[in-house]
Amino acid sequence: MTARVRHGLPAVVALAACLSAAVPSYAQNYPTRPITMIVPFPAGGLTDVPARVAAAMLSERLGQNVVVENKTGATGTIGAAFAARAAPDGYTLFANSLADAQNVHFVSINYSPIDDFAQIGWIVDGPPLVAIVHAGQPYKTLQEMIAASKADPKSVSFGTSGPASSPHMALALLNAAAKTQIVAVPYRGSGDAARAVAGGAIQGVFAFYSQAKPLVDDGKVRALAVAAPQRMADWPDVPTFQELGYKIDFRGFVGLSAPVKTPKPIIGFLNKKLNEVVQSQAFKTRMAALGMTVPADNTPDKYDAFLRSETGRQGEIAKFTGQPQAR
């Protein structure tokens, strides 16, 4: 028995060497044809824009086109389900986002936004939500708006884009933290709600920075507070919620993933190329204008850990909405 084991060692070692050599070569031969990046929201949105810019810059570095396909519907779950079922060969990628960390707590889905995907890395972090009000409203600060709401409960209304949305969840957090009863008024999307505020149809809204900034710059709305750890560079006078005593940190993000069984060498290769894109000054400059940044330590493991943590955090926030939770 011992002799047979010893006699077989060279063959086993040789086989292991062949297998280890074959794994890197798989990545070296990839890609040989165009790659599809599934974006589960419409073109021009907060997920689509950074994903589309990254796809164009990835195409240059991969020598193959990275084609964005907007597969929309059901708050992003249709595109996510499609991507989860795709062949794990590196030719179908998925642009996941904050919605993936939220949907699992509100709707029944037949896939796991975490366990059915291999995470590649962040495309961007942000933008943060901003509490804005119509410029004609009497309150100039968040504290004044909260005082007005407490003095006359339900006299202040904020637009939202439905219970399973960041603006609605952020408003629920504010109501719980400030002990107010600001009324949520549903709109088709956060952009529509922001435009309604600009037109004076409703007092305020939580809008993402990139949606709010043009309206603030035009003088149509006033920014009261930013849901981020630091003030925005372009708005040095607008405080954060944390500065005002409210633990409200609500930022979007967009990442890149692939079906879960995609070979690790391909995931590592894509992470390397993704970082070449997102760490470039050209990409950072374009994203900064939208209130988006790029984490410096952008690895598959760190992004996976972040997504798991953020999904849990969003589940805790979801409880404040009083809406039925998915099980």
C-alpha atoms as a PDB file:
ATOM      1  CA  MET A   1       0.000   0.000   0.000  1.00  0.00           C
ATOM      2  CA  THR A   2       2.782   2.429   0.959  1.00  0.00           C
ATOM      3  CA  ALA A   3       4.738   1.661  -2.180  1.00  0.00           C
ATOM      4  CA  ARG A   4       1.703   2.260  -4.371  1.00  0.00           C
ATOM      5  CA  VAL A   5       1.031   5.640  -2.742  1.00  0.00           C
ATOM      6  CA  ARG A   6       4.637   6.706  -3.168  1.00  0.00           C
ATOM      7  CA  HIS A   7       4.672   5.508  -6.721  1.00  0.00           C
ATOM      8  CA  GLY A   8       1.548   7.600  -7.475  1.00  0.00           C
ATOM      9  CA  LEU A   9       2.840  10.848  -5.972  1.00  0.00           C
ATOM     10  CA  PRO A  10       4.607  12.116  -9.107  1.00  0.00           C
ATOM     11  CA  ALA A  11       1.452  11.579 -11.145  1.00  0.00           C
ATOM     12  CA  VAL A  12      -0.687  13.380  -8.556  1.00  0.00           C
ATOM     13  CA  VAL A  13       1.742  16.287  -8.359  1.00  0.00           C
ATOM     14  CA  ALA A  14       1.870  16.514 -12.140  1.00  0.00           C
ATOM     15  CA  LEU A  15      -1.941  16.525 -12.352  1.00  0.00           C
ATOM     16  CA  ALA A  16      -2.184  19.256  -9.706  1.00  0.00           C
ATOM     17  CA  ALA A  17       0.374  21.324 -11.589  1.00  0.00           C
ATOM     18  CA  CYS A  18      -1.592  20.961 -14.809  1.00  0.00           C
ATOM     19  CA  LEU A  19      -4.814  22.001 -13.087  1.00  0.00           C
ATOM     20  CA  SER A  20      -3.257  25.045 -11.420  1.00  0.00           C
ATOM     21  CA  ALA A  21      -1.750  26.100 -14.724  1.00  0.00           C
ATOM     22  CA  ALA A  22      -5.083  25.662 -16.472  1.00  0.00           C
ATOM     23  CA  VAL A  23      -6.953  28.036 -14.122  1.00  0.00           C
ATOM     24  CA  PRO A  24      -4.950  31.185 -14.914  1.00  0.00           C
ATOM     25  CA  SER A  25      -4.989  30.356 -18.611  1.00  0.00           C
ATOM     26  CA  TYR A  26      -8.799  30.314 -18.471  1.00  0.00           C
ATOM     27  CA  ALA A  27      -8.714  33.943 -17.374  1.00  0.00           C
ATOM     28  CA  GLN A  28      -5.965  34.775 -19.864  1.00  0.00           C
ATOM     29  CA  ASN A  29      -8.165  33.565 -22.728  1.00  0.00           C
ATOM     30  CA  TYR A  30     -11.083  35.653 -21.495  1.00  0.00           C
ATOM     31  CA  PRO A  31     -12.893  37.468 -22.975  1.00  0.00           C
ATOM     32  CA  THR A  32     -13.168  36.279 -26.555  1.00  0.00           C
ATOM     33  CA  ARG A  33     -16.552  37.845 -27.328  1.00  0.00           C
ATOM     34  CA  PRO A  34     -18.755  40.744 -26.156  1.00  0.00           C
ATOM     35  CA  ILE A  35     -19.925  40.880 -22.531  1.00  0.00           C
ATOM     36  CA  THR A  36     -23.437  41.880 -21.479  1.00  0.00           C
ATOM     37  CA  MET A  37     -23.902  44.031 -18.382  1.00  0.00           C
ATOM     38  CA  ILE A  38     -27.460  43.835 -17.055  1.00  0.00           C
ATOM     39  CA  VAL A  39     -28.738  47.077 -15.540  1.00  0.00           C
ATOM     40  CA  PRO A  40     -32.153  46.495 -13.918  1.00  0.00           C
ATOM     41  CA  PHE A  41     -33.294  50.122 -14.193  1.00  0.00           C
ATOM     42  CA  PRO A  42     -33.985  52.525 -17.090  1.00  0.00           C
ATOM     43  CA  ALA A  43     -31.266  54.323 -19.007  1.00  0.00           C
ATOM     44  CA  GLY A  44     -30.174  57.613 -17.484  1.00  0.00           C
ATOM     45  CA  GLY A  45     -30.911  56.616 -13.890  1.00  0.00           C
ATOM     46  CA  LEU A  46     -28.669  56.538 -10.835  1.00  0.00           C
ATOM     47  CA  THR A  47     -27.652  52.921 -11.457  1.00  0.00           C
ATOM     48  CA  ASP A  48     -27.421  53.172 -15.225  1.00  0.00           C
ATOM     49  CA  VAL A  49     -25.148  56.217 -15.542  1.00  0.00           C
ATOM     50  CA  PRO A  50     -22.117  54.964 -13.572  1.00  0.00           C
ATOM     51  CA  ALA A  51     -22.594  51.429 -14.912  1.00  0.00           C
ATOM     52  CA  ARG A  52     -22.718  52.697 -18.489  1.00  0.00           C
ATOM     53  CA  VAL A  53     -19.619  54.871 -18.064  1.00  0.00           C
ATOM     54  CA  ALA A  54     -17.752  51.954 -16.480  1.00  0.00           C
ATOM     55  CA  ALA A  55     -18.885  49.609 -19.271  1.00  0.00           C
ATOM     56  CA  ALA A  56     -17.528  51.917 -21.961  1.00  0.00           C
ATOM     57  CA  MET A  57     -14.182  52.249 -20.202  1.00  0.00           C
ATOM     58  CA  LEU A  58     -14.012  48.508 -19.516  1.00  0.00           C
ATOM     59  CA  SER A  59     -14.525  47.838 -23.224  1.00  0.00           C
ATOM     60  CA  GLU A  60     -11.325  49.734 -23.972  1.00  0.00           C
ATOM     61  CA  ARG A  61      -9.338  47.676 -21.478  1.00  0.00           C
ATOM     62  CA  LEU A  62     -10.833  44.266 -22.271  1.00  0.00           C
ATOM     63  CA  GLY A  63     -10.634  44.516 -26.043  1.00  0.00           C
ATOM     64  CA  GLN A  64     -14.278  43.410 -26.232  1.00  0.00           C
ATOM     65  CA  ASN A  65     -17.477  45.417 -26.082  1.00  0.00           C
ATOM     66  CA  VAL A  66     -19.262  45.521 -22.734  1.00  0.00           C
ATOM     67  CA  VAL A  67     -22.864  46.063 -23.807  1.00  0.00           C
ATOM     68  CA  VAL A  68     -25.340  47.512 -21.295  1.00  0.00           C
ATOM     69  CA  GLU A  69     -28.777  45.910 -21.431  1.00  0.00           C
ATOM     70  CA  ASN A  70     -31.505  47.650 -19.437  1.00  0.00           C
ATOM     71  CA  LYS A  71     -33.760  44.827 -18.260  1.00  0.00           C
ATOM     72  CA  THR A  72     -36.210  46.780 -16.121  1.00  0.00           C
ATOM     73  CA  GLY A  73     -39.267  46.187 -13.968  1.00  0.00           C
ATOM     74  CA  ALA A  74     -40.450  45.190 -10.494  1.00  0.00           C
ATOM     75  CA  THR A  75     -38.030  47.529  -8.661  1.00  0.00           C
ATOM     76  CA  GLY A  76     -35.047  45.894 -10.295  1.00  0.00           C
ATOM     77  CA  THR A  77     -35.893  42.281  -9.489  1.00  0.00           C
ATOM     78  CA  ILE A  78     -36.581  41.223 -13.096  1.00  0.00           C
ATOM     79  CA  GLY A  79     -33.083  42.116 -14.231  1.00  0.00           C
ATOM     80  CA  ALA A  80     -31.534  40.616 -11.105  1.00  0.00           C
ATOM     81  CA  ALA A  81     -33.383  37.308 -11.530  1.00  0.00           C
ATOM     82  CA  PHE A  82     -32.308  37.132 -15.172  1.00  0.00           C
ATOM     83  CA  ALA A  83     -28.665  37.751 -14.275  1.00  0.00           C
ATOM     84  CA  ALA A  84     -28.746  35.209 -11.446  1.00  0.00           C
ATOM     85  CA  ARG A  85     -29.881  32.498 -13.884  1.00  0.00           C
ATOM     86  CA  ALA A  86     -27.332  33.376 -16.587  1.00  0.00           C
ATOM     87  CA  ALA A  87     -24.453  31.066 -17.490  1.00  0.00           C
ATOM     88  CA  PRO A  88     -21.558  31.578 -15.043  1.00  0.00           C
ATOM     89  CA  ASP A  89     -18.991  32.100 -17.775  1.00  0.00           C
ATOM     90  CA  GLY A  90     -18.111  35.773 -17.307  1.00  0.00           C
ATOM     91  CA  TYR A  91     -20.151  36.943 -20.280  1.00  0.00           C
ATOM     92  CA  THR A  92     -23.148  38.147 -18.260  1.00  0.00           C
ATOM     93  CA  LEU A  93     -22.484  40.696 -15.517  1.00  0.00           C
ATOM     94  CA  PHE A  94     -24.930  42.479 -13.245  1.00  0.00           C
ATOM     95  CA  ALA A  95     -24.921  46.047 -11.939  1.00  0.00           C
ATOM     96  CA  ASN A  96     -26.313  45.672  -8.443  1.00  0.00           C
ATOM     97  CA  SER A  97     -27.215  48.574  -6.177  1.00  0.00           C
ATOM     98  CA  LEU A  98     -28.894  49.758  -3.006  1.00  0.00           C
ATOM     99  CA  ALA A  99     -32.189  48.418  -4.370  1.00  0.00           C
ATOM    100  CA  ASP A 100     -30.838  44.866  -4.086  1.00  0.00           C
ATOM    101  CA  ALA A 101     -30.152  45.418  -0.382  1.00  0.00           C
ATOM    102  CA  GLN A 102     -33.716  46.702   0.053  1.00  0.00           C
ATOM    103  CA  ASN A 103     -35.894  44.516  -2.190  1.00  0.00           C
ATOM    104  CA  VAL A 104     -35.295  41.350  -0.208  1.00  0.00           C
ATOM    105  CA  HIS A 105     -37.071  42.966   2.754  1.00  0.00           C
ATOM    106  CA  PHE A 106     -40.182  44.058   0.851  1.00  0.00           C
ATOM    107  CA  VAL A 107     -40.927  41.651  -1.998  1.00  0.00           C
ATOM    108  CA  SER A 108     -40.833  37.909  -2.486  1.00  0.00           C
ATOM    109  CA  ILE A 109     -38.038  36.949  -4.872  1.00  0.00           C
ATOM    110  CA  ASN A 110     -36.894  33.559  -6.169  1.00  0.00           C
ATOM    111  CA  TYR A 111     -33.182  34.316  -5.957  1.00  0.00           C
ATOM    112  CA  SER A 112     -30.714  35.622  -3.388  1.00  0.00           C
ATOM    113  CA  PRO A 113     -29.157  39.021  -4.200  1.00  0.00           C
ATOM    114  CA  ILE A 114     -26.098  37.869  -2.255  1.00  0.00           C
ATOM    115  CA  ASP A 115     -25.707  34.099  -2.440  1.00  0.00           C
ATOM    116  CA  ASP A 116     -26.621  33.782  -6.134  1.00  0.00           C
ATOM    117  CA  PHE A 117     -23.924  36.236  -7.201  1.00  0.00           C
ATOM    118  CA  ALA A 118     -20.149  36.449  -7.084  1.00  0.00           C
ATOM    119  CA  GLN A 119     -19.277  40.026  -6.208  1.00  0.00           C
ATOM    120  CA  ILE A 120     -16.600  41.763  -8.296  1.00  0.00           C
ATOM    121  CA  GLY A 121     -16.395  45.183  -6.666  1.00  0.00           C
ATOM    122  CA  TRP A 122     -17.814  48.677  -6.298  1.00  0.00           C
ATOM    123  CA  ILE A 123     -18.416  50.833  -9.326  1.00  0.00           C
ATOM    124  CA  VAL A 124     -19.339  53.801  -7.111  1.00  0.00           C
ATOM    125  CA  ASP A 125     -20.361  54.673  -3.569  1.00  0.00           C
ATOM    126  CA  GLY A 126     -23.115  57.281  -3.254  1.00  0.00           C
ATOM    127  CA  PRO A 127     -24.786  59.589  -3.946  1.00  0.00           C
ATOM    128  CA  PRO A 128     -26.337  60.455  -0.579  1.00  0.00           C
ATOM    129  CA  LEU A 129     -29.930  61.426  -0.017  1.00  0.00           C
ATOM    130  CA  VAL A 130     -30.621  65.084   0.704  1.00  0.00           C
ATOM    131  CA  ALA A 131     -33.661  66.567   2.453  1.00  0.00           C
ATOM    132  CA  ILE A 132     -34.884  69.404   0.245  1.00  0.00           C
ATOM    133  CA  VAL A 133     -37.877  71.751   0.494  1.00  0.00           C
ATOM    134  CA  HIS A 134     -39.446  74.231  -1.883  1.00  0.00           C
ATOM    135  CA  ALA A 135     -37.627  77.562  -1.750  1.00  0.00           C
ATOM    136  CA  GLY A 136     -40.861  79.324  -0.796  1.00  0.00           C
ATOM    137  CA  GLN A 137     -41.295  77.328   2.414  1.00  0.00           C
ATOM    138  CA  PRO A 138     -40.789  79.382   5.597  1.00  0.00           C
ATOM    139  CA  TYR A 139     -38.321  77.016   7.255  1.00  0.00           C
ATOM    140  CA  LYS A 140     -34.692  77.675   6.458  1.00  0.00           C
ATOM    141  CA  THR A 141     -33.212  74.811   8.480  1.00  0.00           C
ATOM    142  CA  LEU A 142     -34.047  71.216   9.312  1.00  0.00           C
ATOM    143  CA  GLN A 143     -34.663  72.206  12.927  1.00  0.00           C
ATOM    144  CA  GLU A 144     -37.247  74.781  11.832  1.00  0.00           C
ATOM    145  CA  MET A 145     -39.042  72.226   9.658  1.00  0.00           C
ATOM    146  CA  ILE A 146     -39.110  69.706  12.497  1.00  0.00           C
ATOM    147  CA  ALA A 147     -40.443  72.364  14.885  1.00  0.00           C
ATOM    148  CA  ALA A 148     -43.198  73.250  12.394  1.00  0.00           C
ATOM    149  CA  SER A 149     -44.138  69.606  12.021  1.00  0.00           C
ATOM    150  CA  LYS A 150     -44.305  69.099  15.786  1.00  0.00           C
ATOM    151  CA  ALA A 151     -46.379  72.253  16.272  1.00  0.00           C
ATOM    152  CA  ASP A 152     -48.919  71.088  13.690  1.00  0.00           C
ATOM    153  CA  PRO A 153     -48.648  67.310  13.179  1.00  0.00           C
ATOM    154  CA  LYS A 154     -49.127  66.122   9.600  1.00  0.00           C
ATOM    155  CA  SER A 155     -48.912  69.676   8.260  1.00  0.00           C
ATOM    156  CA  VAL A 156     -45.667  68.870   6.415  1.00  0.00           C
ATOM    157  CA  SER A 157     -45.665  66.432   3.481  1.00  0.00           C
ATOM    158  CA  PHE A 158     -42.744  64.764   1.721  1.00  0.00           C
ATOM    159  CA  GLY A 159     -42.882  63.033  -1.622  1.00  0.00           C
ATOM    160  CA  THR A 160     -41.606  59.461  -1.821  1.00  0.00           C
ATOM    161  CA  SER A 161     -41.373  56.789  -4.494  1.00  0.00           C
ATOM    162  CA  GLY A 162     -43.186  54.055  -2.578  1.00  0.00           C
ATOM    163  CA  PRO A 163     -42.556  52.138   0.654  1.00  0.00           C
ATOM    164  CA  ALA A 164     -39.725  49.993  -0.707  1.00  0.00           C
ATOM    165  CA  SER A 165     -37.692  53.047  -1.709  1.00  0.00           C
ATOM    166  CA  SER A 166     -34.859  55.015  -0.180  1.00  0.00           C
ATOM    167  CA  PRO A 167     -36.785  58.331   0.093  1.00  0.00           C
ATOM    168  CA  HIS A 168     -39.633  56.617   1.963  1.00  0.00           C
ATOM    169  CA  MET A 169     -37.285  54.699   4.254  1.00  0.00           C
ATOM    170  CA  ALA A 170     -35.257  57.827   5.026  1.00  0.00           C
ATOM    171  CA  LEU A 171     -38.443  59.735   5.867  1.00  0.00           C
ATOM    172  CA  ALA A 172     -39.551  56.909   8.161  1.00  0.00           C
ATOM    173  CA  LEU A 173     -36.174  57.123   9.903  1.00  0.00           C
ATOM    174  CA  LEU A 174     -36.502  60.897  10.353  1.00  0.00           C
ATOM    175  CA  ASN A 175     -40.026  60.592  11.737  1.00  0.00           C
ATOM    176  CA  ALA A 176     -38.845  57.983  14.225  1.00  0.00           C
ATOM    177  CA  ALA A 177     -35.738  59.925  15.259  1.00  0.00           C
ATOM    178  CA  ALA A 178     -37.362  63.369  15.466  1.00  0.00           C
ATOM    179  CA  LYS A 179     -40.748  62.112  16.694  1.00  0.00           C
ATOM    180  CA  THR A 180     -42.528  63.893  13.864  1.00  0.00           C
ATOM    181  CA  GLN A 181     -45.444  62.881  11.635  1.00  0.00           C
ATOM    182  CA  ILE A 182     -44.297  64.172   8.256  1.00  0.00           C
ATOM    183  CA  VAL A 183     -46.702  62.681   5.726  1.00  0.00           C
ATOM    184  CA  ALA A 184     -45.407  60.483   2.875  1.00  0.00           C
ATOM    185  CA  VAL A 185     -47.031  61.209  -0.492  1.00  0.00           C
ATOM    186  CA  PRO A 186     -46.250  58.599  -3.183  1.00  0.00           C
ATOM    187  CA  TYR A 187     -44.920  59.550  -6.622  1.00  0.00           C
ATOM    188  CA  ARG A 188     -43.792  57.351  -9.493  1.00  0.00           C
ATOM    189  CA  GLY A 189     -40.129  57.991  -8.721  1.00  0.00           C
ATOM    190  CA  SER A 190     -37.821  60.129  -6.621  1.00  0.00           C
ATOM    191  CA  GLY A 191     -37.078  62.318  -9.636  1.00  0.00           C
ATOM    192  CA  ASP A 192     -40.807  63.013 -10.117  1.00  0.00           C
ATOM    193  CA  ALA A 193     -41.139  63.815  -6.415  1.00  0.00           C
ATOM    194  CA  ALA A 194     -38.187  66.213  -6.560  1.00  0.00           C
ATOM    195  CA  ARG A 195     -39.704  67.997  -9.543  1.00  0.00           C
ATOM    196  CA  ALA A 196     -43.018  68.237  -7.660  1.00  0.00           C
ATOM    197  CA  VAL A 197     -41.193  69.982  -4.821  1.00  0.00           C
ATOM    198  CA  ALA A 198     -39.520  72.353  -7.276  1.00  0.00           C
ATOM    199  CA  GLY A 199     -42.951  73.195  -8.700  1.00  0.00           C
ATOM    200  CA  GLY A 200     -44.429  73.836  -5.269  1.00  0.00           C
ATOM    201  CA  ALA A 201     -46.882  70.921  -5.374  1.00  0.00           C
ATOM    202  CA  ILE A 202     -45.484  69.498  -2.136  1.00  0.00           C
ATOM    203  CA  GLN A 203     -43.241  70.849   0.614  1.00  0.00           C
ATOM    204  CA  GLY A 204     -40.262  68.530   0.494  1.00  0.00           C
ATOM    205  CA  VAL A 205     -38.631  65.240  -0.374  1.00  0.00           C
ATOM    206  CA  PHE A 206     -35.577  63.118   0.237  1.00  0.00           C
ATOM    207  CA  ALA A 207     -33.834  63.155  -3.145  1.00  0.00           C
ATOM    208  CA  PHE A 208     -30.458  61.845  -4.190  1.00  0.00           C
ATOM    209  CA  TYR A 209     -27.782  64.515  -4.482  1.00  0.00           C
ATOM    210  CA  SER A 210     -27.528  64.282  -8.264  1.00  0.00           C
ATOM    211  CA  GLN A 211     -31.302  64.860  -8.541  1.00  0.00           C
ATOM    212  CA  ALA A 212     -31.352  67.661  -5.984  1.00  0.00           C
ATOM    213  CA  LYS A 213     -28.294  69.666  -7.009  1.00  0.00           C
ATOM    214  CA  PRO A 214     -29.645  71.158 -10.279  1.00  0.00           C
ATOM    215  CA  LEU A 215     -32.820  72.246  -8.473  1.00  0.00           C
ATOM    216  CA  VAL A 216     -30.829  73.782  -5.618  1.00  0.00           C
ATOM    217  CA  ASP A 217     -28.518  75.540  -8.094  1.00  0.00           C
ATOM    218  CA  ASP A 218     -31.566  76.993  -9.870  1.00  0.00           C
ATOM    219  CA  GLY A 219     -32.878  78.341  -6.582  1.00  0.00           C
ATOM    220  CA  LYS A 220     -36.084  76.309  -6.818  1.00  0.00           C
ATOM    221  CA  VAL A 221     -35.456  74.265  -3.692  1.00  0.00           C
ATOM    222  CA  ARG A 222     -33.445  74.553  -0.488  1.00  0.00           C
ATOM    223  CA  ALA A 223     -31.207  71.788   0.858  1.00  0.00           C
ATOM    224  CA  LEU A 224     -31.661  71.281   4.606  1.00  0.00           C
ATOM    225  CA  ALA A 225     -29.410  68.326   5.424  1.00  0.00           C
ATOM    226  CA  VAL A 226     -27.328  65.626   3.771  1.00  0.00           C
ATOM    227  CA  ALA A 227     -27.596  61.946   4.752  1.00  0.00           C
ATOM    228  CA  ALA A 228     -23.843  61.281   4.586  1.00  0.00           C
ATOM    229  CA  PRO A 229     -20.936  61.242   7.057  1.00  0.00           C
ATOM    230  CA  GLN A 230     -19.414  64.436   5.613  1.00  0.00           C
ATOM    231  CA  ARG A 231     -20.738  67.606   4.026  1.00  0.00           C
ATOM    232  CA  MET A 232     -20.721  67.804   0.243  1.00  0.00           C
ATOM    233  CA  ALA A 233     -17.816  69.796  -1.207  1.00  0.00           C
ATOM    234  CA  ASP A 234     -20.178  71.881  -3.356  1.00  0.00           C
ATOM    235  CA  TRP A 235     -22.471  72.576  -0.389  1.00  0.00           C
ATOM    236  CA  PRO A 236     -20.168  73.534   2.484  1.00  0.00           C
ATOM    237  CA  ASP A 237     -23.007  75.288   4.317  1.00  0.00           C
ATOM    238  CA  VAL A 238     -25.420  72.329   4.251  1.00  0.00           C
ATOM    239  CA  PRO A 239     -25.015  70.233   7.420  1.00  0.00           C
ATOM    240  CA  THR A 240     -25.222  66.479   7.709  1.00  0.00           C
ATOM    241  CA  PHE A 241     -28.005  64.812   9.677  1.00  0.00           C
ATOM    242  CA  GLN A 242     -25.382  63.459  12.048  1.00  0.00           C
ATOM    243  CA  GLU A 243     -24.194  66.992  12.836  1.00  0.00           C
ATOM    244  CA  LEU A 244     -27.763  67.863  13.763  1.00  0.00           C
ATOM    245  CA  GLY A 245     -28.096  64.891  16.088  1.00  0.00           C
ATOM    246  CA  TYR A 246     -29.806  62.348  13.833  1.00  0.00           C
ATOM    247  CA  LYS A 247     -28.099  59.084  12.915  1.00  0.00           C
ATOM    248  CA  ILE A 248     -29.285  59.076   9.305  1.00  0.00           C
ATOM    249  CA  ASP A 249     -26.719  57.859   6.795  1.00  0.00           C
ATOM    250  CA  PHE A 250     -28.431  56.974   3.536  1.00  0.00           C
ATOM    251  CA  ARG A 251     -26.279  56.607   0.447  1.00  0.00           C
ATOM    252  CA  GLY A 252     -26.717  54.739  -2.783  1.00  0.00           C
ATOM    253  CA  PHE A 253     -24.088  52.533  -4.373  1.00  0.00           C
ATOM    254  CA  VAL A 254     -23.561  50.610  -7.577  1.00  0.00           C
ATOM    255  CA  GLY A 255     -21.450  47.485  -7.851  1.00  0.00           C
ATOM    256  CA  LEU A 256     -20.564  44.793 -10.333  1.00  0.00           C
ATOM    257  CA  SER A 257     -21.279  41.097  -9.916  1.00  0.00           C
ATOM    258  CA  ALA A 258     -21.585  37.868 -11.901  1.00  0.00           C
ATOM    259  CA  PRO A 259     -23.536  34.603 -11.481  1.00  0.00           C
ATOM    260  CA  VAL A 260     -22.246  32.804  -8.394  1.00  0.00           C
ATOM    261  CA  LYS A 261     -20.376  29.946 -10.081  1.00  0.00           C
ATOM    262  CA  THR A 262     -18.313  32.214 -12.330  1.00  0.00           C
ATOM    263  CA  PRO A 263     -14.687  31.001 -12.005  1.00  0.00           C
ATOM    264  CA  LYS A 264     -12.639  32.906  -9.430  1.00  0.00           C
ATOM    265  CA  PRO A 265      -9.824  33.708 -11.899  1.00  0.00           C
ATOM    266  CA  ILE A 266     -12.365  35.560 -14.052  1.00  0.00           C
ATOM    267  CA  ILE A 267     -13.747  37.397 -11.006  1.00  0.00           C
ATOM    268  CA  GLY A 268     -10.203  38.412 -10.038  1.00  0.00           C
ATOM    269  CA  PHE A 269      -9.395  39.497 -13.583  1.00  0.00           C
ATOM    270  CA  LEU A 270     -12.574  41.593 -13.806  1.00  0.00           C
ATOM    271  CA  ASN A 271     -11.860  43.187 -10.438  1.00  0.00           C
ATOM    272  CA  LYS A 272      -8.406  44.194 -11.667  1.00  0.00           C
ATOM    273  CA  LYS A 273      -9.819  45.741 -14.847  1.00  0.00           C
ATOM    274  CA  LEU A 274     -12.696  47.357 -12.959  1.00  0.00           C
ATOM    275  CA  ASN A 275     -10.243  49.039 -10.601  1.00  0.00           C
ATOM    276  CA  GLU A 276      -8.213  50.309 -13.541  1.00  0.00           C
ATOM    277  CA  VAL A 277     -11.411  52.045 -14.648  1.00  0.00           C
ATOM    278  CA  VAL A 278     -12.912  53.320 -11.411  1.00  0.00           C
ATOM    279  CA  GLN A 279      -9.622  54.449  -9.874  1.00  0.00           C
ATOM    280  CA  SER A 280      -8.783  56.498 -12.965  1.00  0.00           C
ATOM    281  CA  GLN A 281      -8.997  60.267 -12.633  1.00  0.00           C
ATOM    282  CA  ALA A 282     -11.270  60.505 -15.668  1.00  0.00           C
ATOM    283  CA  PHE A 283     -13.869  58.226 -14.059  1.00  0.00           C
ATOM    284  CA  LYS A 284     -13.602  59.835 -10.623  1.00  0.00           C
ATOM    285  CA  THR A 285     -14.081  63.311 -12.078  1.00  0.00           C
ATOM    286  CA  ARG A 286     -17.247  62.301 -13.927  1.00  0.00           C
ATOM    287  CA  MET A 287     -18.686  60.592 -10.855  1.00  0.00           C
ATOM    288  CA  ALA A 288     -17.797  63.418  -8.454  1.00  0.00           C
ATOM    289  CA  ALA A 289     -20.191  65.683 -10.335  1.00  0.00           C
ATOM    290  CA  LEU A 290     -22.957  63.234  -9.371  1.00  0.00           C
ATOM    291  CA  GLY A 291     -21.946  63.066  -5.718  1.00  0.00           C
ATOM    292  CA  MET A 292     -20.390  59.629  -6.176  1.00  0.00           C
ATOM    293  CA  THR A 293     -17.002  58.374  -5.001  1.00  0.00           C
ATOM    294  CA  VAL A 294     -14.951  55.178  -5.350  1.00  0.00           C
ATOM    295  CA  PRO A 295     -13.675  53.155  -2.349  1.00  0.00           C
ATOM    296  CA  ALA A 296      -9.882  52.892  -2.377  1.00  0.00           C
ATOM    297  CA  ASP A 297      -9.738  49.257  -1.205  1.00  0.00           C
ATOM    298  CA  ASN A 298     -12.025  47.727  -3.799  1.00  0.00           C
ATOM    299  CA  THR A 299     -11.792  43.930  -3.633  1.00  0.00           C
ATOM    300  CA  PRO A 300     -14.404  41.205  -4.230  1.00  0.00           C
ATOM    301  CA  ASP A 301     -14.250  40.119  -0.584  1.00  0.00           C
ATOM    302  CA  LYS A 302     -14.675  43.632   0.797  1.00  0.00           C
ATOM    303  CA  TYR A 303     -17.550  44.410  -1.537  1.00  0.00           C
ATOM    304  CA  ASP A 304     -19.230  41.109  -0.647  1.00  0.00           C
ATOM    305  CA  ALA A 305     -18.873  41.881   3.080  1.00  0.00           C
ATOM    306  CA  PHE A 306     -20.250  45.388   2.535  1.00  0.00           C
ATOM    307  CA  LEU A 307     -23.254  44.104   0.580  1.00  0.00           C
ATOM    308  CA  ARG A 308     -24.096  41.583   3.297  1.00  0.00           C
ATOM    309  CA  SER A 309     -23.782  44.217   6.016  1.00  0.00           C
ATOM    310  CA  GLU A 310     -25.791  46.818   4.090  1.00  0.00           C
ATOM    311  CA  THR A 311     -28.550  44.295   3.359  1.00  0.00           C
ATOM    312  CA  GLY A 312     -28.856  43.642   7.084  1.00  0.00           C
ATOM    313  CA  ARG A 313     -28.848  47.374   7.857  1.00  0.00           C
ATOM    314  CA  GLN A 314     -31.547  48.061   5.291  1.00  0.00           C
ATOM    315  CA  GLY A 315     -33.633  45.325   6.901  1.00  0.00           C
ATOM    316  CA  GLU A 316     -33.468  47.178  10.215  1.00  0.00           C
ATOM    317  CA  ILE A 317     -34.435  50.449   8.516  1.00  0.00           C
ATOM    318  CA  ALA A 318     -37.311  48.731   6.706  1.00  0.00           C
ATOM    319  CA  LYS A 319     -38.961  47.994  10.058  1.00  0.00           C
ATOM    320  CA  PHE A 320     -39.541  51.721  10.575  1.00  0.00           C
ATOM    321  CA  THR A 321     -41.769  51.905   7.472  1.00  0.00           C
ATOM    322  CA  GLY A 322     -44.500  49.758   9.003  1.00  0.00           C
ATOM    323  CA  GLN A 323     -44.867  47.916   5.719  1.00  0.00           C
ATOM    324  CA  PRO A 324     -45.195  44.123   5.449  1.00  0.00           C
ATOM    325  CA  GLN A 325     -41.777  42.499   5.269  1.00  0.00           C
ATOM    326  CA  ALA A 326     -40.931  39.747   2.773  1.00  0.00           C
ATOM    327  CA  ARG A 327     -40.130  36.368   4.313  1.00  0.00           C
END
